[in-house]
Amino acid sequence: EQLSSLRLIPNLFVLRPADANEVSVAWQIAIERKEGPTAIVLTRQK
């Protein structure tokens, strides 16, 4: 339930990359986004 529940918080950006290269994009968004927090959601598995 955590992924959906985090999406319910206003002004929290939740980013869930689908592969390694999307992780680079996620970090760029988190660095550029100055008006609120960003959650980068990541896999344990390859």
All heavy atoms as atom14 arrays in JSON, in Angstrom:
{
  "sequence": "EQLSSLRLIPNLFVLRPADANEVSVAWQIAIERKEGPTAIVLTRQK",
  "atom14_mask": [
    [1, 1, 1, 1, 1, 1, 1, 1, 1, 0, 0, 0, 0, 0],
    [1, 1, 1, 1, 1, 1, 1, 1, 1, 0, 0, 0, 0, 0],
    [1, 1, 1, 1, 1, 1, 1, 1, 0, 0, 0, 0, 0, 0],
    [1, 1, 1, 1, 1, 1, 0, 0, 0, 0, 0, 0, 0, 0],
    [1, 1, 1, 1, 1, 1, 0, 0, 0, 0, 0, 0, 0, 0],
    [1, 1, 1, 1, 1, 1, 1, 1, 0, 0, 0, 0, 0, 0],
    [1, 1, 1, 1, 1, 1, 1, 1, 1, 1, 1, 0, 0, 0],
    [1, 1, 1, 1, 1, 1, 1, 1, 0, 0, 0, 0, 0, 0],
    [1, 1, 1, 1, 1, 1, 1, 1, 0, 0, 0, 0, 0, 0],
    [1, 1, 1, 1, 1, 1, 1, 0, 0, 0, 0, 0, 0, 0],
    [1, 1, 1, 1, 1, 1, 1, 1, 0, 0, 0, 0, 0, 0],
    [1, 1, 1, 1, 1, 1, 1, 1, 0, 0, 0, 0, 0, 0],
    [1, 1, 1, 1, 1, 1, 1, 1, 1, 1, 1, 0, 0, 0],
    [1, 1, 1, 1, 1, 1, 1, 0, 0, 0, 0, 0, 0, 0],
    [1, 1, 1, 1, 1, 1, 1, 1, 0, 0, 0, 0, 0, 0],
    [1, 1, 1, 1, 1, 1, 1, 1, 1, 1, 1, 0, 0, 0],
    [1, 1, 1, 1, 1, 1, 1, 0, 0, 0, 0, 0, 0, 0],
    [1, 1, 1, 1, 1, 0, 0, 0, 0, 0, 0, 0, 0, 0],
    [1, 1, 1, 1, 1, 1, 1, 1, 0, 0, 0, 0, 0, 0],
    [1, 1, 1, 1, 1, 0, 0, 0, 0, 0, 0, 0, 0, 0],
    [1, 1, 1, 1, 1, 1, 1, 1, 0, 0, 0, 0, 0, 0],
    [1, 1, 1, 1, 1, 1, 1, 1, 1, 0, 0, 0, 0, 0],
    [1, 1, 1, 1, 1, 1, 1, 0, 0, 0, 0, 0, 0, 0],
    [1, 1, 1, 1, 1, 1, 0, 0, 0, 0, 0, 0, 0, 0],
    [1, 1, 1, 1, 1, 1, 1, 0, 0, 0, 0, 0, 0, 0],
    [1, 1, 1, 1, 1, 0, 0, 0, 0, 0, 0, 0, 0, 0],
    [1, 1, 1, 1, 1, 1, 1, 1, 1, 1, 1, 1, 1, 1],
    [1, 1, 1, 1, 1, 1, 1, 1, 1, 0, 0, 0, 0, 0],
    [1, 1, 1, 1, 1, 1, 1, 1, 0, 0, 0, 0, 0, 0],
    [1, 1, 1, 1, 1, 0, 0, 0, 0, 0, 0, 0, 0, 0],
    [1, 1, 1, 1, 1, 1, 1, 1, 0, 0, 0, 0, 0, 0],
    [1, 1, 1, 1, 1, 1, 1, 1, 1, 0, 0, 0, 0, 0],
    [1, 1, 1, 1, 1, 1, 1, 1, 1, 1, 1, 0, 0, 0],
    [1, 1, 1, 1, 1, 1, 1, 1, 1, 0, 0, 0, 0, 0],
    [1, 1, 1, 1, 1, 1, 1, 1, 1, 0, 0, 0, 0, 0],
    [1, 1, 1, 1, 0, 0, 0, 0, 0, 0, 0, 0, 0, 0],
    [1, 1, 1, 1, 1, 1, 1, 0, 0, 0, 0, 0, 0, 0],
    [1, 1, 1, 1, 1, 1, 1, 0, 0, 0, 0, 0, 0, 0],
    [1, 1, 1, 1, 1, 0, 0, 0, 0, 0, 0, 0, 0, 0],
    [1, 1, 1, 1, 1, 1, 1, 1, 0, 0, 0, 0, 0, 0],
    [1, 1, 1, 1, 1, 1, 1, 0, 0, 0, 0, 0, 0, 0],
    [1, 1, 1, 1, 1, 1, 1, 1, 0, 0, 0, 0, 0, 0],
    [1, 1, 1, 1, 1, 1, 1, 0, 0, 0, 0, 0, 0, 0],
    [1, 1, 1, 1, 1, 1, 1, 1, 1, 1, 1, 0, 0, 0],
    [1, 1, 1, 1, 1, 1, 1, 1, 1, 0, 0, 0, 0, 0],
    [1, 1, 1, 1, 1, 1, 1, 1, 1, 0, 0, 0, 0, 0]
  ],
  "atom14_positions": [
    [[0.8, -1.22, 0.0], [0.0, 0.0, 0.0], [0.83, 1.27, 0.0], [0.31, 2.37, -0.24], [-0.94, 0.01, 1.21], [-0.25, 0.22, 2.56], [0.37, -1.02, 3.2], [0.62, -2.0, 2.48], [0.61, -0.99, 4.41], [0.0, 0.0, 0.0], [0.0, 0.0, 0.0], [0.0, 0.0, 0.0], [0.0, 0.0, 0.0], [0.0, 0.0, 0.0]],
    [[2.15, 1.16, 0.24], [2.97, 2.37, 0.46], [3.07, 3.26, -0.78], [3.01, 4.48, -0.68], [4.38, 1.96, 0.92], [4.47, 1.6, 2.38], [3.86, 0.24, 2.7], [3.66, -0.58, 1.81], [3.57, 0.01, 3.97], [0.0, 0.0, 0.0], [0.0, 0.0, 0.0], [0.0, 0.0, 0.0], [0.0, 0.0, 0.0], [0.0, 0.0, 0.0]],
    [[3.21, 2.63, -1.94], [3.39, 3.41, -3.17], [2.16, 4.29, -3.42], [2.27, 5.5, -3.67], [3.63, 2.46, -4.34], [4.2, 3.0, -5.63], [5.45, 3.83, -5.4], [4.49, 1.86, -6.59], [0.0, 0.0, 0.0], [0.0, 0.0, 0.0], [0.0, 0.0, 0.0], [0.0, 0.0, 0.0], [0.0, 0.0, 0.0], [0.0, 0.0, 0.0]],
    [[1.0, 3.7, -3.31], [-0.23, 4.47, -3.51], [-0.41, 5.53, -2.43], [-0.83, 6.66, -2.71], [-1.44, 3.53, -3.52], [-1.43, 2.72, -4.67], [0.0, 0.0, 0.0], [0.0, 0.0, 0.0], [0.0, 0.0, 0.0], [0.0, 0.0, 0.0], [0.0, 0.0, 0.0], [0.0, 0.0, 0.0], [0.0, 0.0, 0.0], [0.0, 0.0, 0.0]],
    [[-0.1, 5.16, -1.2], [-0.32, 6.11, -0.1], [0.6, 7.32, -0.22], [0.21, 8.45, 0.1], [-0.15, 5.43, 1.25], [1.2, 5.12, 1.51], [0.0, 0.0, 0.0], [0.0, 0.0, 0.0], [0.0, 0.0, 0.0], [0.0, 0.0, 0.0], [0.0, 0.0, 0.0], [0.0, 0.0, 0.0], [0.0, 0.0, 0.0], [0.0, 0.0, 0.0]],
    [[1.82, 7.12, -0.68], [2.72, 8.26, -0.87], [2.2, 9.18, -1.98], [2.35, 10.4, -1.91], [4.14, 7.78, -1.21], [4.92, 7.15, -0.05], [6.23, 6.55, -0.55], [5.19, 8.16, 1.05], [0.0, 0.0, 0.0], [0.0, 0.0, 0.0], [0.0, 0.0, 0.0], [0.0, 0.0, 0.0], [0.0, 0.0, 0.0], [0.0, 0.0, 0.0]],
    [[1.58, 8.58, -2.99], [1.04, 9.4, -4.08], [-0.12, 10.27, -3.62], [-0.5, 11.22, -4.31], [0.58, 8.48, -5.23], [1.73, 7.85, -5.99], [1.21, 6.86, -7.01], [2.28, 6.26, -7.81], [2.27, 5.02, -8.26], [1.25, 4.22, -7.99], [3.28, 4.56, -8.98], [0.0, 0.0, 0.0], [0.0, 0.0, 0.0], [0.0, 0.0, 0.0]],
    [[-0.69, 9.97, -2.46], [-1.8, 10.76, -1.95], [-1.34, 12.04, -1.25], [-2.16, 12.92, -0.98], [-2.63, 9.92, -0.96], [-3.29, 8.67, -1.53], [-4.05, 7.93, -0.43], [-4.24, 9.02, -2.67], [0.0, 0.0, 0.0], [0.0, 0.0, 0.0], [0.0, 0.0, 0.0], [0.0, 0.0, 0.0], [0.0, 0.0, 0.0], [0.0, 0.0, 0.0]],
    [[-0.06, 12.15, -0.95], [0.44, 13.33, -0.24], [0.62, 14.48, -1.24], [1.42, 14.37, -2.17], [1.78, 13.04, 0.46], [1.61, 11.9, 1.49], [2.32, 14.29, 1.14], [2.91, 11.48, 2.16], [0.0, 0.0, 0.0], [0.0, 0.0, 0.0], [0.0, 0.0, 0.0], [0.0, 0.0, 0.0], [0.0, 0.0, 0.0], [0.0, 0.0, 0.0]],
    [[-0.11, 15.58, -1.07], [0.05, 16.7, -2.0], [1.49, 17.23, -1.98], [2.14, 17.27, -0.94], [-0.91, 17.76, -1.44], [-1.89, 17.0, -0.6], [-1.12, 15.84, -0.04], [0.0, 0.0, 0.0], [0.0, 0.0, 0.0], [0.0, 0.0, 0.0], [0.0, 0.0, 0.0], [0.0, 0.0, 0.0], [0.0, 0.0, 0.0], [0.0, 0.0, 0.0]],
    [[1.97, 17.6, -3.16], [3.29, 18.23, -3.33], [4.46, 17.28, -3.08], [5.6, 17.73, -2.98], [3.44, 19.48, -2.46], [4.58, 20.36, -2.93], [4.81, 20.52, -4.13], [5.34, 20.93, -2.0], [0.0, 0.0, 0.0], [0.0, 0.0, 0.0], [0.0, 0.0, 0.0], [0.0, 0.0, 0.0], [0.0, 0.0, 0.0], [0.0, 0.0, 0.0]],
    [[4.21, 15.99, -2.97], [5.3, 15.01, -2.97], [5.35, 14.37, -4.35], [4.35, 13.83, -4.81], [5.05, 13.93, -1.91], [6.02, 12.73, -1.93], [7.43, 13.16, -1.55], [5.53, 11.63, -1.0], [0.0, 0.0, 0.0], [0.0, 0.0, 0.0], [0.0, 0.0, 0.0], [0.0, 0.0, 0.0], [0.0, 0.0, 0.0], [0.0, 0.0, 0.0]],
    [[6.49, 14.46, -5.01], [6.68, 13.78, -6.28], [7.22, 12.37, -6.01], [8.23, 12.22, -5.31], [7.66, 14.54, -7.18], [7.01, 15.63, -8.01], [5.83, 16.23, -7.61], [7.6, 16.05, -9.19], [5.23, 17.23, -8.37], [7.01, 17.05, -9.96], [5.82, 17.65, -9.55], [0.0, 0.0, 0.0], [0.0, 0.0, 0.0], [0.0, 0.0, 0.0]],
    [[6.52, 11.38, -6.54], [6.95, 9.98, -6.4], [7.41, 9.5, -7.77], [6.63, 9.5, -8.73], [5.79, 9.11, -5.87], [6.24, 7.66, -5.72], [5.27, 9.64, -4.55], [0.0, 0.0, 0.0], [0.0, 0.0, 0.0], [0.0, 0.0, 0.0], [0.0, 0.0, 0.0], [0.0, 0.0, 0.0], [0.0, 0.0, 0.0], [0.0, 0.0, 0.0]],
    [[8.67, 9.1, -7.87], [9.26, 8.68, -9.14], [9.61, 7.2, -9.05], [10.29, 6.78, -8.12], [10.53, 9.48, -9.44], [10.5, 11.0, -9.2], [11.86, 11.62, -9.54], [9.4, 11.66, -10.01], [0.0, 0.0, 0.0], [0.0, 0.0, 0.0], [0.0, 0.0, 0.0], [0.0, 0.0, 0.0], [0.0, 0.0, 0.0], [0.0, 0.0, 0.0]],
    [[9.14, 6.42, -10.03], [9.43, 4.98, -10.02], [10.06, 4.58, -11.35], [9.37, 4.28, -12.33], [8.16, 4.17, -9.75], [8.45, 2.71, -9.42], [7.23, 1.96, -8.94], [7.59, 0.6, -8.57], [7.0, -0.5, -9.0], [5.98, -0.41, -9.85], [7.41, -1.69, -8.61], [0.0, 0.0, 0.0], [0.0, 0.0, 0.0], [0.0, 0.0, 0.0]],
    [[11.39, 4.57, -11.41], [12.09, 4.26, -12.66], [11.91, 2.8, -13.07], [11.83, 1.9, -12.23], [13.56, 4.54, -12.34], [13.55, 5.3, -11.04], [12.32, 4.89, -10.32], [0.0, 0.0, 0.0], [0.0, 0.0, 0.0], [0.0, 0.0, 0.0], [0.0, 0.0, 0.0], [0.0, 0.0, 0.0], [0.0, 0.0, 0.0], [0.0, 0.0, 0.0]],
    [[11.89, 2.58, -14.39], [11.72, 1.23, -14.94], [13.04, 0.56, -15.3], [13.07, -0.64, -15.55], [10.81, 1.26, -16.16], [0.0, 0.0, 0.0], [0.0, 0.0, 0.0], [0.0, 0.0, 0.0], [0.0, 0.0, 0.0], [0.0, 0.0, 0.0], [0.0, 0.0, 0.0], [0.0, 0.0, 0.0], [0.0, 0.0, 0.0], [0.0, 0.0, 0.0]],
    [[14.1, 1.33, -15.36], [15.42, 0.73, -15.58], [16.5, 1.69, -15.08], [16.2, 2.79, -14.58], [15.64, 0.34, -17.05], [15.86, 1.51, -18.0], [15.8, 2.69, -17.56], [16.11, 1.26, -19.2], [0.0, 0.0, 0.0], [0.0, 0.0, 0.0], [0.0, 0.0, 0.0], [0.0, 0.0, 0.0], [0.0, 0.0, 0.0], [0.0, 0.0, 0.0]],
    [[17.76, 1.29, -15.21], [18.87, 2.05, -14.64], [18.95, 3.46, -15.22], [19.21, 4.43, -14.49], [20.18, 1.3, -14.86], [0.0, 0.0, 0.0], [0.0, 0.0, 0.0], [0.0, 0.0, 0.0], [0.0, 0.0, 0.0], [0.0, 0.0, 0.0], [0.0, 0.0, 0.0], [0.0, 0.0, 0.0], [0.0, 0.0, 0.0], [0.0, 0.0, 0.0]],
    [[18.73, 3.59, -16.52], [18.86, 4.91, -17.13], [17.76, 5.87, -16.68], [17.97, 7.08, -16.61], [18.9, 4.79, -18.66], [20.26, 4.3, -19.12], [21.29, 4.83, -18.72], [20.26, 3.25, -19.93], [0.0, 0.0, 0.0], [0.0, 0.0, 0.0], [0.0, 0.0, 0.0], [0.0, 0.0, 0.0], [0.0, 0.0, 0.0], [0.0, 0.0, 0.0]],
    [[16.6, 5.34, -16.34], [15.55, 6.2, -15.81], [15.9, 6.71, -14.41], [15.38, 7.74, -13.97], [14.2, 5.47, -15.82], [13.67, 5.25, -17.24], [12.22, 4.79, -17.28], [11.59, 4.67, -16.2], [11.71, 4.56, -18.39], [0.0, 0.0, 0.0], [0.0, 0.0, 0.0], [0.0, 0.0, 0.0], [0.0, 0.0, 0.0], [0.0, 0.0, 0.0]],
    [[16.79, 6.01, -13.73], [17.24, 6.46, -12.41], [18.02, 7.77, -12.55], [17.88, 8.69, -11.72], [18.09, 5.39, -11.72], [18.67, 5.92, -10.41], [17.26, 4.14, -11.45], [0.0, 0.0, 0.0], [0.0, 0.0, 0.0], [0.0, 0.0, 0.0], [0.0, 0.0, 0.0], [0.0, 0.0, 0.0], [0.0, 0.0, 0.0], [0.0, 0.0, 0.0]],
    [[18.84, 7.87, -13.57], [19.57, 9.13, -13.81], [18.6, 10.29, -14.0], [18.8, 11.39, -13.47], [20.47, 9.0, -15.04], [21.58, 8.16, -14.78], [0.0, 0.0, 0.0], [0.0, 0.0, 0.0], [0.0, 0.0, 0.0], [0.0, 0.0, 0.0], [0.0, 0.0, 0.0], [0.0, 0.0, 0.0], [0.0, 0.0, 0.0], [0.0, 0.0, 0.0]],
    [[17.52, 10.04, -14.74], [16.51, 11.08, -14.94], [15.84, 11.44, -13.62], [15.59, 12.61, -13.32], [15.46, 10.61, -15.97], [14.47, 11.75, -16.26], [16.12, 10.15, -17.25], [0.0, 0.0, 0.0], [0.0, 0.0, 0.0], [0.0, 0.0, 0.0], [0.0, 0.0, 0.0], [0.0, 0.0, 0.0], [0.0, 0.0, 0.0], [0.0, 0.0, 0.0]],
    [[15.58, 10.41, -12.81], [14.93, 10.65, -11.52], [15.76, 11.58, -10.65], [15.23, 12.51, -10.03], [14.69, 9.31, -10.8], [0.0, 0.0, 0.0], [0.0, 0.0, 0.0], [0.0, 0.0, 0.0], [0.0, 0.0, 0.0], [0.0, 0.0, 0.0], [0.0, 0.0, 0.0], [0.0, 0.0, 0.0], [0.0, 0.0, 0.0], [0.0, 0.0, 0.0]],
    [[17.05, 11.34, -10.6], [17.91, 12.2, -9.78], [17.97, 13.61, -10.35], [18.0, 14.59, -9.6], [19.31, 11.6, -9.65], [19.39, 10.67, -8.47], [19.36, 9.31, -8.49], [19.48, 11.05, -7.09], [19.43, 8.81, -7.2], [19.5, 9.87, -6.33], [19.53, 12.27, -6.43], [19.59, 9.87, -4.93], [19.62, 12.29, -5.04], [19.64, 11.1, -4.31]],
    [[17.96, 13.75, -11.67], [17.94, 15.1, -12.25], [16.67, 15.84, -11.83], [16.73, 17.02, -11.45], [18.03, 15.04, -13.78], [17.92, 16.43, -14.41], [18.27, 16.45, -15.88], [19.17, 15.74, -16.32], [17.58, 17.27, -16.65], [0.0, 0.0, 0.0], [0.0, 0.0, 0.0], [0.0, 0.0, 0.0], [0.0, 0.0, 0.0], [0.0, 0.0, 0.0]],
    [[15.55, 15.16, -11.86], [14.29, 15.79, -11.46], [14.36, 16.21, -9.99], [13.95, 17.32, -9.62], [13.11, 14.82, -11.7], [12.91, 14.62, -13.2], [11.84, 15.34, -11.03], [12.02, 13.44, -13.54], [0.0, 0.0, 0.0], [0.0, 0.0, 0.0], [0.0, 0.0, 0.0], [0.0, 0.0, 0.0], [0.0, 0.0, 0.0], [0.0, 0.0, 0.0]],
    [[14.88, 15.32, -9.14], [14.96, 15.62, -7.7], [15.86, 16.82, -7.42], [15.58, 17.62, -6.52], [15.47, 14.39, -6.95], [0.0, 0.0, 0.0], [0.0, 0.0, 0.0], [0.0, 0.0, 0.0], [0.0, 0.0, 0.0], [0.0, 0.0, 0.0], [0.0, 0.0, 0.0], [0.0, 0.0, 0.0], [0.0, 0.0, 0.0], [0.0, 0.0, 0.0]],
    [[16.92, 16.96, -8.19], [17.85, 18.08, -8.0], [17.24, 19.38, -8.5], [17.39, 20.44, -7.88], [19.19, 17.79, -8.73], [19.92, 16.63, -8.04], [20.08, 19.03, -8.76], [21.05, 16.04, -8.88], [0.0, 0.0, 0.0], [0.0, 0.0, 0.0], [0.0, 0.0, 0.0], [0.0, 0.0, 0.0], [0.0, 0.0, 0.0], [0.0, 0.0, 0.0]],
    [[16.51, 19.31, -9.6], [15.94, 20.52, -10.18], [14.68, 20.97, -9.45], [14.33, 22.15, -9.48], [15.6, 20.27, -11.66], [16.81, 20.04, -12.55], [17.73, 21.25, -12.6], [17.24, 22.37, -12.73], [18.95, 21.06, -12.48], [0.0, 0.0, 0.0], [0.0, 0.0, 0.0], [0.0, 0.0, 0.0], [0.0, 0.0, 0.0], [0.0, 0.0, 0.0]],
    [[14.01, 20.04, -8.78], [12.74, 20.37, -8.14], [12.98, 21.0, -6.77], [13.37, 20.33, -5.82], [11.87, 19.11, -8.0], [10.52, 19.43, -7.41], [9.56, 18.27, -7.45], [8.25, 18.78, -7.09], [7.67, 18.59, -5.9], [8.28, 17.86, -4.98], [6.5, 19.13, -5.63], [0.0, 0.0, 0.0], [0.0, 0.0, 0.0], [0.0, 0.0, 0.0]],
    [[12.74, 22.28, -6.66], [13.09, 23.01, -5.44], [11.88, 23.36, -4.58], [12.03, 23.87, -3.47], [13.86, 24.28, -5.8], [15.19, 23.99, -6.49], [15.91, 25.25, -6.9], [17.32, 24.97, -7.39], [17.37, 24.13, -8.58], [0.0, 0.0, 0.0], [0.0, 0.0, 0.0], [0.0, 0.0, 0.0], [0.0, 0.0, 0.0], [0.0, 0.0, 0.0]],
    [[10.67, 23.1, -5.07], [9.49, 23.55, -4.34], [8.81, 22.43, -3.56], [7.68, 22.57, -3.11], [8.48, 24.19, -5.31], [7.87, 23.24, -6.32], [8.74, 22.99, -7.55], [9.89, 23.45, -7.61], [8.24, 22.32, -8.47], [0.0, 0.0, 0.0], [0.0, 0.0, 0.0], [0.0, 0.0, 0.0], [0.0, 0.0, 0.0], [0.0, 0.0, 0.0]],
    [[9.51, 21.32, -3.37], [8.92, 20.24, -2.59], [9.81, 19.01, -2.6], [10.8, 18.94, -3.34], [0.0, 0.0, 0.0], [0.0, 0.0, 0.0], [0.0, 0.0, 0.0], [0.0, 0.0, 0.0], [0.0, 0.0, 0.0], [0.0, 0.0, 0.0], [0.0, 0.0, 0.0], [0.0, 0.0, 0.0], [0.0, 0.0, 0.0], [0.0, 0.0, 0.0]],
    [[9.45, 17.99, -1.79], [10.27, 16.77, -1.7], [10.01, 15.81, -2.85], [8.95, 15.86, -3.5], [9.82, 16.17, -0.37], [8.4, 16.62, -0.23], [8.33, 17.99, -0.85], [0.0, 0.0, 0.0], [0.0, 0.0, 0.0], [0.0, 0.0, 0.0], [0.0, 0.0, 0.0], [0.0, 0.0, 0.0], [0.0, 0.0, 0.0], [0.0, 0.0, 0.0]],
    [[10.96, 14.93, -3.06], [10.88, 13.93, -4.13], [11.25, 12.56, -3.56], [12.27, 12.43, -2.88], [11.84, 14.27, -5.28], [11.52, 15.58, -5.78], [11.73, 13.26, -6.4], [0.0, 0.0, 0.0], [0.0, 0.0, 0.0], [0.0, 0.0, 0.0], [0.0, 0.0, 0.0], [0.0, 0.0, 0.0], [0.0, 0.0, 0.0], [0.0, 0.0, 0.0]],
    [[10.41, 11.56, -3.83], [10.71, 10.18, -3.43], [11.08, 9.38, -4.67], [10.3, 9.3, -5.63], [9.49, 9.56, -2.74], [0.0, 0.0, 0.0], [0.0, 0.0, 0.0], [0.0, 0.0, 0.0], [0.0, 0.0, 0.0], [0.0, 0.0, 0.0], [0.0, 0.0, 0.0], [0.0, 0.0, 0.0], [0.0, 0.0, 0.0], [0.0, 0.0, 0.0]],
    [[12.29, 8.81, -4.64], [12.74, 7.94, -5.73], [12.57, 6.51, -5.25], [13.18, 6.09, -4.27], [14.2, 8.24, -6.11], [14.36, 9.72, -6.48], [14.64, 7.36, -7.27], [15.79, 10.13, -6.79], [0.0, 0.0, 0.0], [0.0, 0.0, 0.0], [0.0, 0.0, 0.0], [0.0, 0.0, 0.0], [0.0, 0.0, 0.0], [0.0, 0.0, 0.0]],
    [[11.72, 5.75, -5.95], [11.31, 4.41, -5.51], [12.01, 3.37, -6.38], [11.86, 3.38, -7.61], [9.78, 4.29, -5.59], [9.33, 2.9, -5.16], [9.12, 5.36, -4.71], [0.0, 0.0, 0.0], [0.0, 0.0, 0.0], [0.0, 0.0, 0.0], [0.0, 0.0, 0.0], [0.0, 0.0, 0.0], [0.0, 0.0, 0.0], [0.0, 0.0, 0.0]],
    [[12.74, 2.46, -5.74], [13.72, 1.63, -6.44], [13.59, 0.14, -6.1], [13.14, -0.22, -5.0], [15.13, 2.11, -6.08], [15.4, 3.6, -6.34], [16.65, 4.06, -5.61], [15.52, 3.86, -7.84], [0.0, 0.0, 0.0], [0.0, 0.0, 0.0], [0.0, 0.0, 0.0], [0.0, 0.0, 0.0], [0.0, 0.0, 0.0], [0.0, 0.0, 0.0]],
    [[14.03, -0.69, -7.02], [13.91, -2.14, -6.85], [15.11, -2.73, -6.11], [16.22, -2.19, -6.17], [13.82, -2.85, -8.2], [15.06, -2.67, -8.91], [12.68, -2.33, -9.03], [0.0, 0.0, 0.0], [0.0, 0.0, 0.0], [0.0, 0.0, 0.0], [0.0, 0.0, 0.0], [0.0, 0.0, 0.0], [0.0, 0.0, 0.0], [0.0, 0.0, 0.0]],
    [[14.85, -3.84, -5.44], [15.95, -4.66, -4.95], [16.49, -5.53, -6.08], [17.7, -5.73, -6.22], [15.47, -5.57, -3.82], [16.6, -6.44, -3.29], [16.11, -7.62, -2.48], [17.24, -8.4, -1.99], [17.17, -9.67, -1.66], [16.03, -10.33, -1.76], [18.24, -10.3, -1.22], [0.0, 0.0, 0.0], [0.0, 0.0, 0.0], [0.0, 0.0, 0.0]],
    [[15.57, -6.05, -6.91], [15.94, -7.03, -7.94], [16.5, -6.36, -9.19], [16.18, -5.21, -9.49], [14.72, -7.9, -8.29], [13.63, -7.22, -9.1], [12.59, -6.52, -8.24], [12.88, -6.08, -7.13], [11.38, -6.37, -8.76], [0.0, 0.0, 0.0], [0.0, 0.0, 0.0], [0.0, 0.0, 0.0], [0.0, 0.0, 0.0], [0.0, 0.0, 0.0]],
    [[17.3, -7.12, -9.91], [17.88, -6.64, -11.17], [16.77, -6.48, -12.21], [15.88, -7.32, -12.33], [18.93, -7.62, -11.67], [19.62, -7.19, -12.96], [20.53, -8.28, -13.52], [21.75, -8.49, -12.67], [22.72, -9.43, -13.33], [0.0, 0.0, 0.0], [0.0, 0.0, 0.0], [0.0, 0.0, 0.0], [0.0, 0.0, 0.0], [0.0, 0.0, 0.0]]
  ]
}
